[in-house]
Amino acid sequence: MLDIVFLIGGLALILLGANGLTDGAAAVAKRFHISDLVIGLTIVAFGTSAPELVISTMAALGGSAEMAIGNVVGSNIFNVLAIIGVTAMVMPIKVGEGTMSKEIPLVILCSFVLAFMANDVILDGGSRNIISRIDGLVLLGFFLIFMRYTFAIARSGNAEEEETKIKEMPIWKSALFIAGGLAGLIYGGQLFVDGASGIASSLGVSESIIGLTIVAGGTSLPELATSVTAALKKNPGIAIGNVIGSCLFNILFVLGCSATISPLSMGGINNVDMAVLIGSAILFWLVGWFFKKRTITRVEGALLVICYIAYTAYLIAQQ
């Protein structure tokens, strides 16, 4: 029972902390006349992915490598199949041509890169599959290239600019929001990982399964809330950028940081999970082309959700 309290309390602290940190940092950036677009591409994007970063980093530091990797792999699968699926069921999503030809293929490529890195035994004759510090640094290098590409698009004016409402506040209040947000993220992350590990132990379930399901779904709540809200406001296109940015951030930055801090053994995360990760990214790309060109319909959204339910059922059946 205490583990469940830790899990829920930790997640609440993480979400509140991410929100406070984002609001405080955005207010400081606005005070220094940084454009809304740049704030959206950096601080706001970081804010929605902060839960994954905090929990994977805490898990890596605490020796729970399977949870750190499961969190990233599970979050990306949840982002594509559940979030895009639910959003499309609320409101069909029109996908830009540039997104179809560049951004989604980049998600597919990064998923393949992670799968290659996670197969030391097959590809390199290693004794176990591990995401090494070198792999982590390579992922961080790719992340810097992606950020450079993102800012180049912003400057060229090809990106769809989302109107970002930034709360103005005194500098002392901004500092308080930032400090309180960081404290919430760190302490909440510790509670969440402890709670998830305790639940895994008490149920006899592996940390990899907990990471792929409960932890992944919990840390993806900000993305889910953002995407569904955008759909209800008849602007479902924002969901695409939100999900793509989160998927790339998770693999390149979150896993890159976690592996650089401590090499991550794959443990119970296997090639079936890697295949689902890659397959969901490819399916994301395919549903954008079929039926109505560059539109993800309600039927296709339902298909994505059914695929996620089937994958979750498979994980449960493996226990």
Protein backbone atom coordinates (compact mmCIF):
# COMPACT_ATOMS: atom_id res chain seq x y z
CA MET A 1 0.00 0.00 0.00
CA LEU A 2 2.84 2.38 0.89
CA ASP A 3 4.45 1.68 -2.51
CA ILE A 4 1.25 2.81 -4.27
CA VAL A 5 1.22 6.01 -2.18
CA PHE A 6 4.89 6.59 -3.14
CA LEU A 7 4.07 5.96 -6.82
CA ILE A 8 1.07 8.32 -6.96
CA GLY A 9 2.63 10.95 -4.69
CA GLY A 10 5.90 10.86 -6.62
CA LEU A 11 4.11 11.26 -9.96
CA ALA A 12 2.06 14.18 -8.61
CA LEU A 13 5.24 15.90 -7.39
CA ILE A 14 6.92 15.29 -10.77
CA LEU A 15 4.02 16.75 -12.76
CA LEU A 16 3.70 19.75 -10.44
CA GLY A 17 7.47 20.23 -10.45
CA ALA A 18 7.69 20.07 -14.26
CA ASN A 19 4.86 22.62 -14.53
CA GLY A 20 6.44 24.98 -11.99
CA LEU A 21 9.91 24.70 -13.53
CA THR A 22 8.52 25.32 -17.02
CA ASP A 23 6.45 28.36 -15.97
CA GLY A 24 9.34 29.87 -13.98
CA ALA A 25 11.95 29.31 -16.67
CA ALA A 26 9.62 30.58 -19.43
CA ALA A 27 8.89 33.75 -17.42
CA VAL A 28 12.64 34.39 -16.97
CA ALA A 29 13.25 33.79 -20.69
CA LYS A 30 10.41 36.16 -21.60
CA ARG A 31 11.88 38.82 -19.29
CA PHE A 32 15.13 38.63 -21.30
CA HIS A 33 13.13 39.03 -24.57
CA ILE A 34 13.65 35.50 -25.86
CA SER A 35 11.04 34.71 -28.53
CA ASP A 36 7.97 32.59 -27.78
CA LEU A 37 8.98 30.13 -30.52
CA VAL A 38 12.42 29.50 -29.01
CA ILE A 39 10.85 29.13 -25.54
CA GLY A 40 8.38 26.60 -26.96
CA LEU A 41 11.09 24.62 -28.74
CA THR A 42 13.30 24.41 -25.67
CA ILE A 43 11.81 25.10 -22.22
CA VAL A 44 8.24 23.93 -22.92
CA ALA A 45 9.44 20.87 -24.85
CA PHE A 46 11.82 20.01 -22.01
CA GLY A 47 9.04 20.52 -19.45
CA THR A 48 6.75 17.85 -20.95
CA SER A 49 9.63 15.35 -21.13
CA ALA A 50 11.14 16.19 -17.73
CA PRO A 51 9.33 13.28 -15.98
CA GLU A 52 10.99 10.72 -18.31
CA LEU A 53 14.38 12.39 -17.82
CA VAL A 54 14.11 12.51 -14.03
CA ILE A 55 12.82 8.96 -13.57
CA SER A 56 15.27 7.35 -16.04
CA THR A 57 18.19 9.25 -14.48
CA MET A 58 17.11 8.32 -10.94
CA ALA A 59 16.62 4.71 -12.00
CA ALA A 60 20.09 4.63 -13.60
CA LEU A 61 21.68 6.13 -10.48
CA GLY A 62 19.79 3.62 -8.30
CA GLY A 63 20.90 0.62 -10.34
CA SER A 64 17.46 0.03 -11.91
CA ALA A 65 18.68 -0.01 -15.51
CA GLU A 66 15.71 -2.02 -16.79
CA MET A 67 13.30 0.61 -15.48
CA ALA A 68 15.34 3.42 -17.08
CA ILE A 69 15.28 1.76 -20.51
CA GLY A 70 11.73 0.43 -20.13
CA ASN A 71 10.56 3.96 -19.32
CA VAL A 72 11.98 5.34 -22.60
CA VAL A 73 10.91 2.44 -24.84
CA GLY A 74 7.47 2.21 -23.19
CA SER A 75 6.94 5.99 -23.30
CA ASN A 76 7.67 6.13 -27.03
CA ILE A 77 5.32 3.22 -27.74
CA PHE A 78 2.65 4.89 -25.55
CA ASN A 79 3.23 8.26 -27.27
CA VAL A 80 2.67 6.89 -30.77
CA LEU A 81 0.02 4.21 -30.26
CA ALA A 82 -1.99 5.58 -27.32
CA ILE A 83 -1.58 9.37 -27.52
CA ILE A 84 -1.76 9.74 -31.32
CA GLY A 85 -4.50 7.09 -31.39
CA VAL A 86 -6.67 8.78 -28.75
CA THR A 87 -6.05 12.24 -30.24
CA ALA A 88 -7.04 11.06 -33.73
CA MET A 89 -10.21 9.49 -32.30
CA VAL A 90 -11.08 12.88 -30.75
CA MET A 91 -10.20 14.81 -33.92
CA PRO A 92 -8.62 13.51 -37.17
CA ILE A 93 -5.04 14.79 -37.44
CA LYS A 94 -3.72 16.45 -40.59
CA VAL A 95 0.01 15.82 -40.99
CA GLY A 96 2.29 18.28 -42.79
CA GLU A 97 4.30 17.07 -45.79
CA GLY A 98 7.58 18.03 -44.10
CA THR A 99 6.60 16.00 -41.04
CA MET A 100 5.85 12.94 -43.20
CA SER A 101 9.10 13.20 -45.16
CA LYS A 102 11.51 14.33 -42.41
CA GLU A 103 10.40 14.23 -38.77
CA ILE A 104 8.56 10.88 -38.62
CA PRO A 105 11.33 9.09 -40.59
CA LEU A 106 13.76 10.57 -38.03
CA VAL A 107 11.78 8.87 -35.23
CA ILE A 108 11.98 5.59 -37.19
CA LEU A 109 15.74 6.04 -37.70
CA CYS A 110 16.37 6.76 -33.99
CA SER A 111 14.32 3.67 -33.04
CA PHE A 112 16.51 1.54 -35.33
CA VAL A 113 19.68 3.12 -33.86
CA LEU A 114 18.52 2.22 -30.34
CA ALA A 115 17.71 -1.34 -31.44
CA PHE A 116 21.23 -1.72 -32.93
CA MET A 117 22.83 -0.38 -29.75
CA ALA A 118 20.74 -2.81 -27.68
CA ASN A 119 21.94 -5.91 -29.56
CA ASP A 120 25.57 -6.36 -28.50
CA VAL A 121 25.19 -10.15 -28.20
CA ILE A 122 23.92 -10.64 -31.77
CA LEU A 123 25.84 -7.88 -33.58
CA ASP A 124 29.11 -7.80 -31.63
CA GLY A 125 29.33 -11.17 -29.89
CA GLY A 126 29.15 -9.52 -26.46
CA SER A 127 28.32 -11.35 -23.25
CA ARG A 128 25.22 -9.21 -22.60
CA ASN A 129 23.20 -6.45 -24.21
CA ILE A 130 24.08 -3.05 -22.76
CA ILE A 131 23.69 0.64 -23.62
CA SER A 132 27.23 1.81 -22.86
CA ARG A 133 28.56 5.26 -21.98
CA ILE A 134 29.88 5.54 -25.55
CA ASP A 135 26.38 4.78 -26.84
CA GLY A 136 25.01 7.44 -24.49
CA LEU A 137 27.46 10.04 -25.77
CA VAL A 138 26.61 9.15 -29.38
CA LEU A 139 22.90 9.64 -28.61
CA LEU A 140 23.63 13.03 -27.02
CA GLY A 141 25.61 13.98 -30.13
CA PHE A 142 22.59 13.12 -32.30
CA PHE A 143 20.44 15.20 -29.94
CA LEU A 144 22.63 18.28 -30.52
CA ILE A 145 22.28 17.77 -34.30
CA PHE A 146 18.48 17.48 -33.92
CA MET A 147 18.34 20.70 -31.89
CA ARG A 148 20.45 22.46 -34.53
CA TYR A 149 18.01 21.22 -37.21
CA THR A 150 15.03 22.40 -35.13
CA PHE A 151 16.38 25.92 -34.70
CA ALA A 152 17.28 26.07 -38.42
CA ILE A 153 13.63 25.29 -39.27
CA ALA A 154 12.45 27.93 -36.78
CA ARG A 155 14.68 30.59 -38.32
CA SER A 156 13.64 29.70 -41.86
CA GLY A 157 9.98 30.15 -40.88
CA ASN A 158 8.98 26.66 -42.06
CA ALA A 159 7.82 25.59 -38.63
CA GLU A 160 4.23 26.02 -37.55
CA GLU A 161 4.45 28.51 -34.70
CA GLU A 162 2.31 27.60 -31.75
CA GLU A 163 1.05 30.48 -29.71
CA THR A 164 2.56 30.04 -26.26
CA LYS A 165 0.85 31.82 -23.39
CA ILE A 166 3.62 32.66 -20.94
CA LYS A 167 2.73 33.82 -17.46
CA GLU A 168 4.54 37.00 -16.51
CA MET A 169 5.78 37.08 -12.92
CA PRO A 170 8.33 38.93 -10.74
CA ILE A 171 11.87 37.59 -10.83
CA TRP A 172 11.67 36.37 -7.21
CA LYS A 173 8.55 34.40 -8.02
CA SER A 174 10.20 32.92 -11.13
CA ALA A 175 13.17 31.82 -9.01
CA LEU A 176 10.78 30.28 -6.47
CA PHE A 177 8.93 28.38 -9.22
CA ILE A 178 12.23 27.11 -10.68
CA ALA A 179 13.65 26.03 -7.30
CA GLY A 180 10.37 24.47 -6.19
CA GLY A 181 9.95 22.75 -9.56
CA LEU A 182 13.43 21.23 -9.42
CA ALA A 183 12.85 20.06 -5.83
CA GLY A 184 9.53 18.48 -6.87
CA LEU A 185 11.15 16.72 -9.83
CA ILE A 186 14.05 15.32 -7.82
CA TYR A 187 12.13 14.24 -4.70
CA GLY A 188 9.14 13.06 -6.73
CA GLY A 189 11.46 11.04 -8.99
CA GLN A 190 12.96 9.26 -5.99
CA LEU A 191 9.52 8.46 -4.55
CA PHE A 192 8.19 7.26 -7.92
CA VAL A 193 11.13 4.93 -8.60
CA ASP A 194 11.00 3.55 -5.04
CA GLY A 195 7.26 2.97 -5.34
CA ALA A 196 7.50 1.33 -8.78
CA SER A 197 10.38 -0.91 -7.64
CA GLY A 198 8.42 -1.90 -4.52
CA ILE A 199 5.32 -2.77 -6.56
CA ALA A 200 7.45 -4.84 -8.97
CA SER A 201 8.96 -6.77 -6.06
CA SER A 202 5.65 -7.37 -4.25
CA LEU A 203 3.89 -8.57 -7.42
CA GLY A 204 6.84 -10.61 -8.60
CA VAL A 205 6.89 -8.59 -11.82
CA SER A 206 10.17 -7.54 -13.43
CA GLU A 207 11.27 -3.90 -13.40
CA SER A 208 11.34 -3.98 -17.20
CA ILE A 209 7.58 -4.72 -17.35
CA ILE A 210 6.82 -2.01 -14.75
CA GLY A 211 9.00 0.41 -16.74
CA LEU A 212 7.29 -0.44 -20.05
CA THR A 213 3.78 0.00 -18.64
CA ILE A 214 3.08 1.87 -15.37
CA VAL A 215 6.17 4.09 -15.41
CA ALA A 216 5.94 4.81 -19.15
CA GLY A 217 2.23 5.67 -18.97
CA GLY A 218 2.70 7.81 -15.86
CA THR A 219 5.57 9.85 -17.26
CA SER A 220 3.71 10.40 -20.55
CA LEU A 221 0.75 12.10 -18.85
CA PRO A 222 1.99 15.64 -19.77
CA GLU A 223 2.16 14.67 -23.47
CA LEU A 224 -1.28 13.01 -23.29
CA ALA A 225 -2.83 16.07 -21.61
CA THR A 226 -1.21 18.45 -24.12
CA SER A 227 -2.30 16.44 -27.16
CA VAL A 228 -5.90 15.80 -26.09
CA THR A 229 -6.32 19.45 -25.07
CA ALA A 230 -5.02 20.53 -28.48
CA ALA A 231 -7.48 18.19 -30.19
CA LEU A 232 -10.41 19.52 -28.14
CA LYS A 233 -9.38 23.04 -29.18
CA LYS A 234 -9.55 21.86 -32.81
CA ASN A 235 -5.80 22.11 -33.23
CA PRO A 236 -4.79 18.43 -33.27
CA GLY A 237 -1.74 19.15 -35.43
CA ILE A 238 0.10 20.29 -32.30
CA ALA A 239 -0.15 16.69 -31.06
CA ILE A 240 2.11 15.53 -33.91
CA GLY A 241 4.92 17.91 -32.99
CA ASN A 242 4.43 17.13 -29.31
CA VAL A 243 4.74 13.36 -29.85
CA ILE A 244 7.61 13.53 -32.35
CA GLY A 245 9.58 15.90 -30.13
CA SER A 246 8.97 13.72 -27.09
CA CYS A 247 9.99 10.50 -28.89
CA LEU A 248 13.25 12.02 -30.13
CA PHE A 249 13.94 13.69 -26.77
CA ASN A 250 13.37 10.38 -24.95
CA ILE A 251 15.77 8.33 -27.06
CA LEU A 252 18.45 10.90 -27.76
CA PHE A 253 18.53 13.00 -24.58
CA VAL A 254 16.88 10.99 -21.78
CA LEU A 255 18.54 7.68 -22.66
CA GLY A 256 21.74 9.48 -23.70
CA CYS A 257 22.01 11.16 -20.28
CA SER A 258 21.05 7.99 -18.38
CA ALA A 259 23.59 5.80 -20.21
CA THR A 260 26.34 8.41 -19.88
CA ILE A 261 25.77 8.51 -16.10
CA SER A 262 25.73 4.71 -15.79
CA PRO A 263 25.86 1.98 -18.51
CA LEU A 264 22.42 0.40 -18.80
CA SER A 265 21.96 -3.37 -19.06
CA MET A 266 18.96 -4.28 -21.22
CA GLY A 267 17.90 -7.09 -18.87
CA GLY A 268 14.29 -8.02 -19.62
CA ILE A 269 13.92 -5.48 -22.45
CA ASN A 270 14.20 -7.71 -25.52
CA ASN A 271 13.94 -7.59 -29.30
CA VAL A 272 10.15 -8.01 -29.18
CA ASP A 273 9.95 -4.67 -27.37
CA MET A 274 12.44 -3.16 -29.85
CA ALA A 275 10.34 -4.52 -32.75
CA VAL A 276 7.18 -2.95 -31.28
CA LEU A 277 9.07 0.35 -30.83
CA ILE A 278 10.18 0.35 -34.49
CA GLY A 279 6.86 -1.04 -35.74
CA SER A 280 4.81 1.63 -33.96
CA ALA A 281 6.97 4.38 -35.53
CA ILE A 282 6.55 2.82 -39.01
CA LEU A 283 2.78 2.40 -38.43
CA PHE A 284 2.64 6.08 -37.40
CA TRP A 285 4.16 6.97 -40.77
CA LEU A 286 1.95 4.57 -42.76
CA VAL A 287 -1.40 5.72 -41.32
CA GLY A 288 -0.49 9.25 -42.36
CA TRP A 289 -0.40 8.17 -46.01
CA PHE A 290 -3.23 5.63 -46.33
CA PHE A 291 -6.94 6.30 -46.84
CA LYS A 292 -7.05 10.10 -46.65
CA LYS A 293 -3.59 11.29 -47.62
CA ARG A 294 -1.64 12.90 -44.76
CA THR A 295 -4.59 12.59 -42.36
CA ILE A 296 -4.78 10.18 -39.44
CA THR A 297 -8.48 9.30 -39.30
CA ARG A 298 -10.59 8.17 -36.33
CA VAL A 299 -10.52 4.57 -37.63
CA GLU A 300 -6.72 4.67 -37.88
CA GLY A 301 -6.57 6.19 -34.39
CA ALA A 302 -8.67 3.28 -33.08
CA LEU A 303 -6.27 0.87 -34.83
CA LEU A 304 -3.30 2.45 -33.02
CA VAL A 305 -5.06 2.18 -29.64
CA ILE A 306 -5.96 -1.49 -30.31
CA CYS A 307 -2.29 -2.19 -31.12
CA TYR A 308 -1.25 -0.64 -27.78
CA ILE A 309 -3.84 -2.71 -25.87
CA ALA A 310 -2.60 -5.86 -27.66
CA TYR A 311 1.04 -5.08 -26.74
CA THR A 312 0.11 -4.47 -23.09
CA ALA A 313 -1.85 -7.74 -23.02
CA TYR A 314 1.20 -9.52 -24.45
CA LEU A 315 3.42 -8.10 -21.69
CA ILE A 316 0.99 -9.24 -18.99
CA ALA A 317 0.72 -12.70 -20.56
CA GLN A 318 4.52 -13.08 -20.46
CA GLN A 319 4.55 -12.89 -16.66
